[in-house]
Amino acid sequence: MSKTHHLTSPFSEEVIRSLHAGDIVYFDGPLFGIRDLTQIHIFDKGNPPPVSLEGMPCIHTAPSLRRVGDKWEKICVGTTTSTRMDRFTPGLIGQYGVRAIIGKGGLYQGSLDAMKKYGAVYLAIVGGAASLETEQIEEVEAVYFEELHPEALYRFRVKNFGPLTVAMDSHGVHLYDQVSAKIKEKLPEIYKKLGVE
């Protein structure tokens, strides 16, 4: 039976390993926004993050922000599909200690293996929830690699961020794979009803 967890970031390995696929998570604290260009900058171009990501959650986003003096203000912060950033995830988890990836659509086996080895999870967010996400972000605390904006590295402070579903856990369970398997199992019956050979 799934549980609901109210957490505070950064997360410990013990806390993350207590989460199971299907559980619901809300959390307060720091959240890092990251996207393709930032990860290319870090991994392909050899520029380590200028801030520690140890124990942190990272959300796949290219936020809409505005610069006001020396501060950044949120306009809209939505989430993007994760799969095209899959190749960076084992490095984020293994090299930089990221404990949670937040996005849409899940990740692949290599990322799941890293989650099992180091203690991390994939937290799925509902598509079209940008308005709610933006409300739950209290402040844009810092922007790193500013030249990459809107695909820089962002440090947000969030309050009651969620609901997020544990879609991939540190025990090797992958909800997306389970759904795919059920679909494949039912396809022959569906095809038969439709008269499709």
N, C-alpha and C. Protein backbone atom coordinates (compact mmCIF):
# COMPACT_ATOMS: atom_id res chain seq x y z
N MET A 1 0.86 -1.20 0.00
CA MET A 1 0.00 0.00 0.00
C MET A 1 0.89 1.25 0.00
N SER A 2 0.56 2.19 -0.86
CA SER A 2 1.40 3.38 -0.98
C SER A 2 1.23 4.29 0.24
N LYS A 3 2.30 5.06 0.50
CA LYS A 3 2.32 5.99 1.63
C LYS A 3 2.55 7.40 1.11
N THR A 4 2.20 8.37 1.91
CA THR A 4 2.49 9.78 1.61
C THR A 4 3.58 10.26 2.56
N HIS A 5 4.60 10.90 1.98
CA HIS A 5 5.75 11.37 2.75
C HIS A 5 5.88 12.88 2.63
N HIS A 6 6.14 13.55 3.73
CA HIS A 6 6.42 14.98 3.76
C HIS A 6 7.88 15.14 4.19
N LEU A 7 8.73 15.56 3.25
CA LEU A 7 10.17 15.55 3.45
C LEU A 7 10.75 16.97 3.42
N THR A 8 12.02 17.05 3.79
CA THR A 8 12.77 18.30 3.69
C THR A 8 14.09 17.99 2.97
N SER A 9 14.39 18.78 1.93
CA SER A 9 15.65 18.60 1.21
C SER A 9 16.75 19.42 1.91
N PRO A 10 18.03 18.98 1.83
CA PRO A 10 18.52 17.81 1.10
C PRO A 10 18.10 16.50 1.77
N PHE A 11 18.09 15.42 0.97
CA PHE A 11 17.62 14.12 1.43
C PHE A 11 18.80 13.21 1.76
N SER A 12 18.64 12.42 2.80
CA SER A 12 19.66 11.41 3.13
C SER A 12 19.39 10.14 2.33
N GLU A 13 20.40 9.31 2.22
CA GLU A 13 20.20 8.02 1.54
C GLU A 13 19.16 7.19 2.28
N GLU A 14 19.18 7.22 3.60
CA GLU A 14 18.22 6.44 4.39
C GLU A 14 16.78 6.84 4.07
N VAL A 15 16.53 8.13 3.99
CA VAL A 15 15.18 8.61 3.68
C VAL A 15 14.76 8.16 2.29
N ILE A 16 15.66 8.30 1.32
CA ILE A 16 15.33 7.93 -0.06
C ILE A 16 15.06 6.44 -0.18
N ARG A 17 15.84 5.63 0.54
CA ARG A 17 15.63 4.18 0.46
C ARG A 17 14.36 3.74 1.19
N SER A 18 13.77 4.62 1.96
CA SER A 18 12.49 4.31 2.62
C SER A 18 11.30 4.53 1.69
N LEU A 19 11.56 5.15 0.53
CA LEU A 19 10.49 5.41 -0.44
C LEU A 19 10.32 4.21 -1.37
N HIS A 20 9.08 3.95 -1.75
CA HIS A 20 8.78 2.83 -2.65
C HIS A 20 7.90 3.31 -3.81
N ALA A 21 8.06 2.66 -4.94
CA ALA A 21 7.28 3.01 -6.12
C ALA A 21 5.79 3.07 -5.78
N GLY A 22 5.15 4.13 -6.22
CA GLY A 22 3.74 4.35 -5.92
C GLY A 22 3.50 5.29 -4.75
N ASP A 23 4.52 5.51 -3.92
CA ASP A 23 4.38 6.46 -2.81
C ASP A 23 4.24 7.88 -3.35
N ILE A 24 3.65 8.74 -2.54
CA ILE A 24 3.48 10.15 -2.88
C ILE A 24 4.40 10.98 -1.99
N VAL A 25 5.06 11.96 -2.60
CA VAL A 25 6.03 12.80 -1.89
C VAL A 25 5.67 14.27 -2.03
N TYR A 26 5.76 15.00 -0.93
CA TYR A 26 5.78 16.46 -0.88
C TYR A 26 7.06 16.85 -0.15
N PHE A 27 7.65 17.96 -0.49
CA PHE A 27 8.83 18.38 0.27
C PHE A 27 8.99 19.89 0.31
N ASP A 28 9.75 20.33 1.32
CA ASP A 28 10.15 21.73 1.49
C ASP A 28 11.67 21.80 1.34
N GLY A 29 12.16 23.00 0.99
CA GLY A 29 13.60 23.20 0.97
C GLY A 29 14.14 23.51 -0.41
N PRO A 30 15.46 23.36 -0.60
CA PRO A 30 16.07 23.66 -1.89
C PRO A 30 15.68 22.65 -2.97
N LEU A 31 15.53 23.15 -4.19
CA LEU A 31 15.27 22.34 -5.39
C LEU A 31 16.08 22.95 -6.52
N PHE A 32 16.86 22.13 -7.22
CA PHE A 32 17.64 22.63 -8.35
C PHE A 32 16.94 22.36 -9.67
N GLY A 33 16.87 23.39 -10.51
CA GLY A 33 16.35 23.25 -11.86
C GLY A 33 17.51 23.00 -12.81
N ILE A 34 17.33 22.02 -13.71
CA ILE A 34 18.42 21.63 -14.62
C ILE A 34 17.81 21.17 -15.94
N ARG A 35 18.53 21.39 -17.03
CA ARG A 35 18.01 20.94 -18.32
C ARG A 35 19.19 20.55 -19.22
N ASP A 36 18.90 20.27 -20.49
CA ASP A 36 19.88 19.72 -21.42
C ASP A 36 21.19 20.51 -21.45
N LEU A 37 21.12 21.81 -21.71
CA LEU A 37 22.34 22.59 -21.92
C LEU A 37 23.23 22.60 -20.69
N THR A 38 22.62 22.67 -19.51
CA THR A 38 23.42 22.66 -18.28
C THR A 38 24.18 21.35 -18.15
N GLN A 39 23.51 20.25 -18.45
CA GLN A 39 24.14 18.94 -18.30
C GLN A 39 25.19 18.70 -19.38
N ILE A 40 24.98 19.22 -20.56
CA ILE A 40 26.00 19.18 -21.60
C ILE A 40 27.22 19.98 -21.14
N HIS A 41 26.95 21.14 -20.53
CA HIS A 41 28.01 22.02 -20.02
C HIS A 41 28.83 21.31 -18.93
N ILE A 42 28.14 20.58 -18.06
CA ILE A 42 28.80 19.89 -16.96
C ILE A 42 29.56 18.65 -17.45
N PHE A 43 28.87 17.77 -18.16
CA PHE A 43 29.44 16.47 -18.48
C PHE A 43 30.23 16.43 -19.79
N ASP A 44 29.73 17.08 -20.83
CA ASP A 44 30.41 17.02 -22.12
C ASP A 44 31.52 18.06 -22.23
N LYS A 45 31.34 19.19 -21.55
CA LYS A 45 32.32 20.27 -21.67
C LYS A 45 33.21 20.40 -20.43
N GLY A 46 32.98 19.54 -19.44
CA GLY A 46 33.88 19.47 -18.29
C GLY A 46 33.84 20.65 -17.34
N ASN A 47 32.64 21.17 -17.06
CA ASN A 47 32.48 22.28 -16.12
C ASN A 47 31.68 21.81 -14.90
N PRO A 48 32.33 21.42 -13.83
CA PRO A 48 31.61 20.93 -12.66
C PRO A 48 30.63 21.97 -12.11
N PRO A 49 29.55 21.54 -11.49
CA PRO A 49 28.61 22.50 -10.89
C PRO A 49 29.34 23.38 -9.89
N PRO A 50 29.05 24.69 -9.88
CA PRO A 50 29.71 25.60 -8.94
C PRO A 50 29.08 25.58 -7.55
N VAL A 51 28.18 24.64 -7.31
CA VAL A 51 27.48 24.52 -6.03
C VAL A 51 27.26 23.03 -5.78
N SER A 52 27.23 22.64 -4.53
CA SER A 52 27.03 21.23 -4.20
C SER A 52 25.60 20.78 -4.50
N LEU A 53 25.49 19.62 -5.13
CA LEU A 53 24.19 19.00 -5.40
C LEU A 53 23.95 17.80 -4.48
N GLU A 54 24.82 17.61 -3.53
CA GLU A 54 24.77 16.45 -2.63
C GLU A 54 23.44 16.40 -1.89
N GLY A 55 22.73 15.28 -2.06
CA GLY A 55 21.46 15.07 -1.37
C GLY A 55 20.28 15.81 -1.98
N MET A 56 20.50 16.53 -3.06
CA MET A 56 19.47 17.44 -3.58
C MET A 56 18.54 16.77 -4.60
N PRO A 57 17.34 17.33 -4.72
CA PRO A 57 16.46 17.00 -5.83
C PRO A 57 16.74 17.95 -7.00
N CYS A 58 16.66 17.41 -8.21
CA CYS A 58 16.80 18.22 -9.43
C CYS A 58 15.56 18.03 -10.29
N ILE A 59 15.01 19.12 -10.79
CA ILE A 59 13.83 19.06 -11.65
C ILE A 59 14.22 19.44 -13.06
N HIS A 60 13.69 18.71 -14.04
CA HIS A 60 13.97 18.99 -15.45
C HIS A 60 13.08 20.15 -15.90
N THR A 61 13.70 21.32 -16.05
CA THR A 61 12.93 22.53 -16.37
C THR A 61 13.79 23.55 -17.10
N ALA A 62 13.13 24.36 -17.91
CA ALA A 62 13.72 25.58 -18.47
C ALA A 62 12.76 26.70 -18.10
N PRO A 63 12.90 27.26 -16.93
CA PRO A 63 11.89 28.16 -16.38
C PRO A 63 11.82 29.51 -17.08
N SER A 64 10.65 30.09 -17.01
CA SER A 64 10.47 31.47 -17.45
C SER A 64 10.66 32.36 -16.22
N LEU A 65 11.74 33.15 -16.25
CA LEU A 65 12.08 34.05 -15.14
C LEU A 65 12.33 35.44 -15.68
N ARG A 66 12.29 36.45 -14.80
CA ARG A 66 12.69 37.80 -15.19
C ARG A 66 13.71 38.32 -14.20
N ARG A 67 14.65 39.07 -14.72
CA ARG A 67 15.71 39.66 -13.88
C ARG A 67 15.22 41.00 -13.37
N VAL A 68 15.26 41.17 -12.06
CA VAL A 68 14.88 42.43 -11.42
C VAL A 68 16.03 42.83 -10.52
N GLY A 69 16.84 43.78 -10.98
CA GLY A 69 18.05 44.15 -10.24
C GLY A 69 19.01 42.99 -10.21
N ASP A 70 19.43 42.60 -9.02
CA ASP A 70 20.34 41.46 -8.92
C ASP A 70 19.61 40.17 -8.53
N LYS A 71 18.27 40.20 -8.62
CA LYS A 71 17.46 39.02 -8.28
C LYS A 71 16.73 38.50 -9.52
N TRP A 72 16.34 37.25 -9.46
CA TRP A 72 15.51 36.64 -10.49
C TRP A 72 14.13 36.36 -9.90
N GLU A 73 13.08 36.69 -10.64
CA GLU A 73 11.72 36.43 -10.19
C GLU A 73 11.07 35.41 -11.10
N LYS A 74 10.26 34.55 -10.51
CA LYS A 74 9.58 33.51 -11.28
C LYS A 74 8.42 34.10 -12.08
N ILE A 75 8.23 33.58 -13.28
CA ILE A 75 7.04 33.86 -14.08
C ILE A 75 6.25 32.56 -14.21
N CYS A 76 6.92 31.54 -14.77
CA CYS A 76 6.30 30.23 -14.90
C CYS A 76 7.41 29.18 -14.89
N VAL A 77 7.23 28.17 -14.05
CA VAL A 77 8.22 27.09 -13.95
C VAL A 77 7.48 25.77 -14.20
N GLY A 78 7.68 25.21 -15.38
CA GLY A 78 7.06 23.93 -15.73
C GLY A 78 8.12 22.85 -15.82
N THR A 79 7.68 21.63 -16.07
CA THR A 79 8.57 20.48 -16.13
C THR A 79 8.55 19.88 -17.52
N THR A 80 9.70 19.41 -17.97
CA THR A 80 9.81 18.83 -19.30
C THR A 80 10.05 17.32 -19.22
N THR A 81 9.97 16.66 -20.38
CA THR A 81 10.18 15.22 -20.48
C THR A 81 11.64 14.88 -20.17
N SER A 82 11.84 13.80 -19.45
CA SER A 82 13.16 13.46 -18.92
C SER A 82 14.01 12.58 -19.82
N THR A 83 13.40 11.78 -20.68
CA THR A 83 14.14 10.71 -21.35
C THR A 83 15.35 11.19 -22.14
N ARG A 84 15.26 12.35 -22.77
CA ARG A 84 16.40 12.80 -23.57
C ARG A 84 17.59 13.19 -22.70
N MET A 85 17.38 13.35 -21.40
CA MET A 85 18.47 13.67 -20.48
C MET A 85 18.93 12.45 -19.69
N ASP A 86 18.45 11.28 -20.09
CA ASP A 86 18.76 10.05 -19.37
C ASP A 86 20.26 9.80 -19.25
N ARG A 87 21.02 10.09 -20.30
CA ARG A 87 22.46 9.75 -20.29
C ARG A 87 23.24 10.50 -19.22
N PHE A 88 22.70 11.61 -18.74
CA PHE A 88 23.39 12.38 -17.71
C PHE A 88 23.06 11.92 -16.28
N THR A 89 21.96 11.19 -16.14
CA THR A 89 21.44 10.88 -14.81
C THR A 89 22.39 10.03 -13.95
N PRO A 90 22.99 8.96 -14.50
CA PRO A 90 23.93 8.20 -13.66
C PRO A 90 25.06 9.07 -13.11
N GLY A 91 25.54 10.04 -13.88
CA GLY A 91 26.59 10.94 -13.41
C GLY A 91 26.09 11.90 -12.34
N LEU A 92 24.89 12.43 -12.51
CA LEU A 92 24.32 13.31 -11.49
C LEU A 92 24.21 12.59 -10.15
N ILE A 93 23.78 11.33 -10.23
CA ILE A 93 23.58 10.54 -9.01
C ILE A 93 24.92 10.06 -8.44
N GLY A 94 25.75 9.45 -9.30
CA GLY A 94 26.99 8.84 -8.83
C GLY A 94 28.10 9.82 -8.52
N GLN A 95 28.28 10.84 -9.38
CA GLN A 95 29.36 11.80 -9.18
C GLN A 95 29.00 12.94 -8.24
N TYR A 96 27.75 13.41 -8.37
CA TYR A 96 27.38 14.64 -7.65
C TYR A 96 26.37 14.44 -6.53
N GLY A 97 25.95 13.20 -6.29
CA GLY A 97 25.14 12.90 -5.10
C GLY A 97 23.69 13.32 -5.16
N VAL A 98 23.16 13.57 -6.36
CA VAL A 98 21.74 13.93 -6.49
C VAL A 98 20.89 12.75 -6.00
N ARG A 99 19.87 13.04 -5.20
CA ARG A 99 19.03 11.99 -4.61
C ARG A 99 17.68 11.82 -5.28
N ALA A 100 17.23 12.83 -6.04
CA ALA A 100 15.93 12.72 -6.69
C ALA A 100 15.94 13.50 -8.00
N ILE A 101 15.40 12.88 -9.02
CA ILE A 101 15.17 13.53 -10.31
C ILE A 101 13.67 13.69 -10.46
N ILE A 102 13.22 14.89 -10.78
CA ILE A 102 11.79 15.16 -10.96
C ILE A 102 11.55 15.51 -12.42
N GLY A 103 10.57 14.85 -13.02
CA GLY A 103 10.28 15.12 -14.42
C GLY A 103 9.05 14.39 -14.88
N LYS A 104 8.93 14.27 -16.21
CA LYS A 104 7.81 13.56 -16.82
C LYS A 104 8.35 12.45 -17.70
N GLY A 105 7.66 11.31 -17.71
CA GLY A 105 7.95 10.26 -18.67
C GLY A 105 8.95 9.21 -18.25
N GLY A 106 9.65 9.40 -17.14
CA GLY A 106 10.57 8.38 -16.66
C GLY A 106 11.92 8.39 -17.33
N LEU A 107 12.77 7.44 -16.92
CA LEU A 107 14.12 7.29 -17.44
C LEU A 107 14.36 5.82 -17.75
N TYR A 108 15.58 5.48 -18.21
CA TYR A 108 15.86 4.13 -18.67
C TYR A 108 16.64 3.31 -17.64
N GLN A 109 17.04 2.10 -18.06
CA GLN A 109 17.62 1.13 -17.14
C GLN A 109 18.92 1.61 -16.49
N GLY A 110 19.78 2.29 -17.24
CA GLY A 110 21.03 2.77 -16.66
C GLY A 110 20.80 3.71 -15.49
N SER A 111 19.78 4.55 -15.61
CA SER A 111 19.44 5.45 -14.51
C SER A 111 18.88 4.68 -13.32
N LEU A 112 18.05 3.68 -13.61
CA LEU A 112 17.50 2.85 -12.53
C LEU A 112 18.61 2.12 -11.79
N ASP A 113 19.60 1.63 -12.54
CA ASP A 113 20.73 0.94 -11.91
C ASP A 113 21.49 1.88 -10.97
N ALA A 114 21.68 3.13 -11.39
CA ALA A 114 22.36 4.12 -10.55
C ALA A 114 21.53 4.43 -9.30
N MET A 115 20.22 4.49 -9.45
CA MET A 115 19.35 4.73 -8.30
C MET A 115 19.48 3.61 -7.28
N LYS A 116 19.53 2.38 -7.76
CA LYS A 116 19.69 1.23 -6.86
C LYS A 116 21.05 1.27 -6.16
N LYS A 117 22.09 1.58 -6.92
CA LYS A 117 23.44 1.55 -6.36
C LYS A 117 23.68 2.64 -5.32
N TYR A 118 23.23 3.85 -5.61
CA TYR A 118 23.59 5.00 -4.76
C TYR A 118 22.46 5.47 -3.84
N GLY A 119 21.23 5.06 -4.12
CA GLY A 119 20.10 5.50 -3.32
C GLY A 119 19.50 6.79 -3.85
N ALA A 120 18.70 6.67 -4.90
CA ALA A 120 18.04 7.83 -5.50
C ALA A 120 16.70 7.38 -6.05
N VAL A 121 15.86 8.35 -6.41
CA VAL A 121 14.54 8.05 -6.96
C VAL A 121 14.21 8.98 -8.12
N TYR A 122 13.25 8.54 -8.92
CA TYR A 122 12.65 9.40 -9.94
C TYR A 122 11.24 9.73 -9.47
N LEU A 123 10.95 11.03 -9.36
CA LEU A 123 9.65 11.50 -8.91
C LEU A 123 8.90 12.09 -10.09
N ALA A 124 7.78 11.48 -10.43
CA ALA A 124 7.00 11.93 -11.58
C ALA A 124 6.04 13.03 -11.16
N ILE A 125 5.96 14.03 -12.01
CA ILE A 125 5.05 15.14 -11.77
C ILE A 125 3.98 15.12 -12.85
N VAL A 126 2.79 15.54 -12.51
CA VAL A 126 1.68 15.52 -13.46
C VAL A 126 1.92 16.54 -14.56
N GLY A 127 1.71 16.14 -15.81
CA GLY A 127 1.84 17.07 -16.92
C GLY A 127 0.82 18.19 -16.82
N GLY A 128 1.20 19.38 -17.23
CA GLY A 128 0.28 20.52 -17.21
C GLY A 128 0.14 21.18 -15.85
N ALA A 129 1.07 20.86 -14.92
CA ALA A 129 0.96 21.37 -13.55
C ALA A 129 1.85 22.59 -13.32
N ALA A 130 2.26 23.27 -14.38
CA ALA A 130 3.21 24.38 -14.22
C ALA A 130 2.68 25.48 -13.30
N SER A 131 1.39 25.76 -13.37
CA SER A 131 0.82 26.82 -12.53
C SER A 131 0.97 26.47 -11.05
N LEU A 132 0.68 25.20 -10.71
CA LEU A 132 0.82 24.75 -9.32
C LEU A 132 2.28 24.75 -8.89
N GLU A 133 3.16 24.24 -9.76
CA GLU A 133 4.60 24.22 -9.45
C GLU A 133 5.10 25.63 -9.16
N THR A 134 4.70 26.57 -10.00
CA THR A 134 5.17 27.95 -9.84
C THR A 134 4.72 28.52 -8.51
N GLU A 135 3.49 28.23 -8.11
CA GLU A 135 2.99 28.70 -6.81
C GLU A 135 3.80 28.12 -5.66
N GLN A 136 4.23 26.86 -5.81
CA GLN A 136 4.93 26.17 -4.72
C GLN A 136 6.40 26.58 -4.61
N ILE A 137 6.89 27.31 -5.61
CA ILE A 137 8.25 27.86 -5.54
C ILE A 137 8.19 29.20 -4.84
N GLU A 138 8.82 29.30 -3.68
CA GLU A 138 8.77 30.53 -2.90
C GLU A 138 9.75 31.57 -3.41
N GLU A 139 10.90 31.11 -3.90
CA GLU A 139 11.93 32.08 -4.31
C GLU A 139 12.92 31.42 -5.26
N VAL A 140 13.44 32.21 -6.19
CA VAL A 140 14.60 31.82 -6.99
C VAL A 140 15.81 32.32 -6.20
N GLU A 141 16.53 31.41 -5.55
CA GLU A 141 17.61 31.81 -4.65
C GLU A 141 18.91 32.13 -5.38
N ALA A 142 19.16 31.43 -6.49
CA ALA A 142 20.41 31.67 -7.23
C ALA A 142 20.30 31.09 -8.64
N VAL A 143 21.06 31.67 -9.55
CA VAL A 143 21.18 31.15 -10.92
C VAL A 143 22.67 30.97 -11.21
N TYR A 144 23.06 29.77 -11.59
CA TYR A 144 24.44 29.45 -11.93
C TYR A 144 24.52 29.17 -13.43
N PHE A 145 25.70 29.41 -14.02
CA PHE A 145 25.85 29.31 -15.49
C PHE A 145 24.81 30.20 -16.17
N GLU A 146 24.72 31.47 -15.73
CA GLU A 146 23.68 32.39 -16.23
C GLU A 146 23.65 32.51 -17.74
N GLU A 147 24.83 32.36 -18.38
CA GLU A 147 24.90 32.50 -19.83
C GLU A 147 24.07 31.43 -20.55
N LEU A 148 23.67 30.39 -19.84
CA LEU A 148 22.87 29.32 -20.45
C LEU A 148 21.36 29.53 -20.27
N HIS A 149 20.97 30.57 -19.55
CA HIS A 149 19.53 30.83 -19.32
C HIS A 149 18.77 30.87 -20.65
N PRO A 150 17.62 30.19 -20.78
CA PRO A 150 16.78 29.57 -19.75
C PRO A 150 17.11 28.11 -19.43
N GLU A 151 18.31 27.67 -19.80
CA GLU A 151 18.71 26.31 -19.44
C GLU A 151 19.95 26.34 -18.54
N ALA A 152 19.95 27.28 -17.61
CA ALA A 152 21.03 27.40 -16.63
C ALA A 152 20.79 26.41 -15.49
N LEU A 153 21.51 26.56 -14.40
CA LEU A 153 21.31 25.77 -13.19
C LEU A 153 20.68 26.70 -12.16
N TYR A 154 19.49 26.34 -11.69
CA TYR A 154 18.70 27.22 -10.83
C TYR A 154 18.54 26.60 -9.44
N ARG A 155 18.68 27.43 -8.42
CA ARG A 155 18.38 26.98 -7.07
C ARG A 155 17.09 27.67 -6.63
N PHE A 156 16.05 26.87 -6.46
CA PHE A 156 14.76 27.37 -5.97
C PHE A 156 14.60 26.98 -4.51
N ARG A 157 13.76 27.73 -3.80
CA ARG A 157 13.29 27.30 -2.49
C ARG A 157 11.80 27.00 -2.61
N VAL A 158 11.39 25.80 -2.23
CA VAL A 158 10.00 25.38 -2.42
C VAL A 158 9.33 25.07 -1.09
N LYS A 159 8.02 25.12 -1.11
CA LYS A 159 7.20 24.81 0.07
C LYS A 159 6.09 23.86 -0.35
N ASN A 160 6.04 22.70 0.33
CA ASN A 160 5.00 21.70 0.07
C ASN A 160 4.95 21.33 -1.42
N PHE A 161 6.12 21.12 -2.01
CA PHE A 161 6.21 20.86 -3.45
C PHE A 161 5.70 19.45 -3.73
N GLY A 162 4.68 19.36 -4.57
CA GLY A 162 4.07 18.08 -4.90
C GLY A 162 2.61 18.28 -5.28
N PRO A 163 1.87 17.18 -5.44
CA PRO A 163 2.25 15.80 -5.18
C PRO A 163 3.15 15.22 -6.27
N LEU A 164 4.13 14.45 -5.85
CA LEU A 164 5.05 13.76 -6.74
C LEU A 164 4.92 12.26 -6.49
N THR A 165 4.88 11.48 -7.57
CA THR A 165 4.77 10.02 -7.44
C THR A 165 6.14 9.38 -7.60
N VAL A 166 6.50 8.51 -6.68
CA VAL A 166 7.74 7.75 -6.82
C VAL A 166 7.53 6.74 -7.95
N ALA A 167 8.10 7.07 -9.12
CA ALA A 167 7.89 6.23 -10.30
C ALA A 167 9.04 5.25 -10.53
N MET A 168 10.23 5.57 -10.01
CA MET A 168 11.39 4.67 -10.05
C MET A 168 12.04 4.77 -8.67
N ASP A 169 12.23 3.63 -8.01
CA ASP A 169 12.77 3.69 -6.65
C ASP A 169 14.15 3.06 -6.56
N SER A 170 14.72 3.11 -5.38
CA SER A 170 16.08 2.60 -5.17
C SER A 170 16.10 1.08 -4.98
N HIS A 171 14.93 0.45 -5.13
CA HIS A 171 14.83 -1.01 -5.00
C HIS A 171 14.67 -1.69 -6.35
N GLY A 172 14.78 -0.89 -7.42
CA GLY A 172 14.72 -1.46 -8.77
C GLY A 172 13.34 -1.53 -9.38
N VAL A 173 12.35 -0.90 -8.74
CA VAL A 173 10.99 -0.92 -9.27
C VAL A 173 10.78 0.29 -10.17
N HIS A 174 10.20 0.02 -11.35
CA HIS A 174 10.03 1.04 -12.40
C HIS A 174 8.56 1.00 -12.84
N LEU A 175 7.75 1.95 -12.36
CA LEU A 175 6.32 1.94 -12.66
C LEU A 175 6.03 2.03 -14.16
N TYR A 176 6.84 2.79 -14.90
CA TYR A 176 6.60 2.92 -16.33
C TYR A 176 6.76 1.57 -17.03
N ASP A 177 7.76 0.79 -16.62
CA ASP A 177 7.96 -0.54 -17.20
C ASP A 177 6.80 -1.46 -16.87
N GLN A 178 6.28 -1.35 -15.65
CA GLN A 178 5.14 -2.18 -15.25
C GLN A 178 3.91 -1.86 -16.10
N VAL A 179 3.68 -0.57 -16.33
CA VAL A 179 2.53 -0.16 -17.17
C VAL A 179 2.71 -0.66 -18.59
N SER A 180 3.92 -0.53 -19.13
CA SER A 180 4.19 -1.01 -20.49
C SER A 180 3.94 -2.51 -20.61
N ALA A 181 4.36 -3.26 -19.60
CA ALA A 181 4.17 -4.72 -19.62
C ALA A 181 2.68 -5.07 -19.61
N LYS A 182 1.89 -4.34 -18.82
CA LYS A 182 0.44 -4.60 -18.77
C LYS A 182 -0.22 -4.28 -20.10
N ILE A 183 0.25 -3.21 -20.74
CA ILE A 183 -0.31 -2.84 -22.05
C ILE A 183 -0.03 -3.94 -23.07
N LYS A 184 1.23 -4.41 -23.10
CA LYS A 184 1.61 -5.47 -24.05
C LYS A 184 0.81 -6.73 -23.80
N GLU A 185 0.53 -7.01 -22.54
CA GLU A 185 -0.24 -8.20 -22.18
C GLU A 185 -1.67 -8.13 -22.70
N LYS A 186 -2.24 -6.93 -22.69
CA LYS A 186 -3.63 -6.76 -23.09
C LYS A 186 -3.83 -6.51 -24.59
N LEU A 187 -2.75 -6.18 -25.29
CA LEU A 187 -2.88 -5.84 -26.72
C LEU A 187 -3.52 -6.93 -27.57
N PRO A 188 -3.12 -8.20 -27.45
CA PRO A 188 -3.75 -9.23 -28.30
C PRO A 188 -5.27 -9.27 -28.14
N GLU A 189 -5.73 -9.15 -26.89
CA GLU A 189 -7.18 -9.16 -26.63
C GLU A 189 -7.86 -7.95 -27.26
N ILE A 190 -7.21 -6.80 -27.17
CA ILE A 190 -7.77 -5.58 -27.75
C ILE A 190 -7.82 -5.69 -29.27
N TYR A 191 -6.72 -6.18 -29.86
CA TYR A 191 -6.69 -6.37 -31.31
C TYR A 191 -7.79 -7.33 -31.78
N LYS A 192 -8.00 -8.39 -31.00
CA LYS A 192 -9.02 -9.39 -31.35
C LYS A 192 -10.41 -8.76 -31.35
N LYS A 193 -10.69 -7.93 -30.32
CA LYS A 193 -11.99 -7.26 -30.25
C LYS A 193 -12.20 -6.30 -31.40
N LEU A 194 -11.09 -5.68 -31.86
CA LEU A 194 -11.17 -4.73 -32.97
C LEU A 194 -11.15 -5.42 -34.33
N GLY A 195 -10.92 -6.73 -34.31
CA GLY A 195 -10.84 -7.47 -35.58
C GLY A 195 -9.54 -7.21 -36.34
N VAL A 196 -8.49 -6.85 -35.59
CA VAL A 196 -7.20 -6.57 -36.21
C VAL A 196 -6.32 -7.80 -36.04
N GLU A 197 -5.74 -8.27 -37.14
CA GLU A 197 -4.86 -9.45 -37.09
C GLU A 197 -3.45 -9.04 -36.72
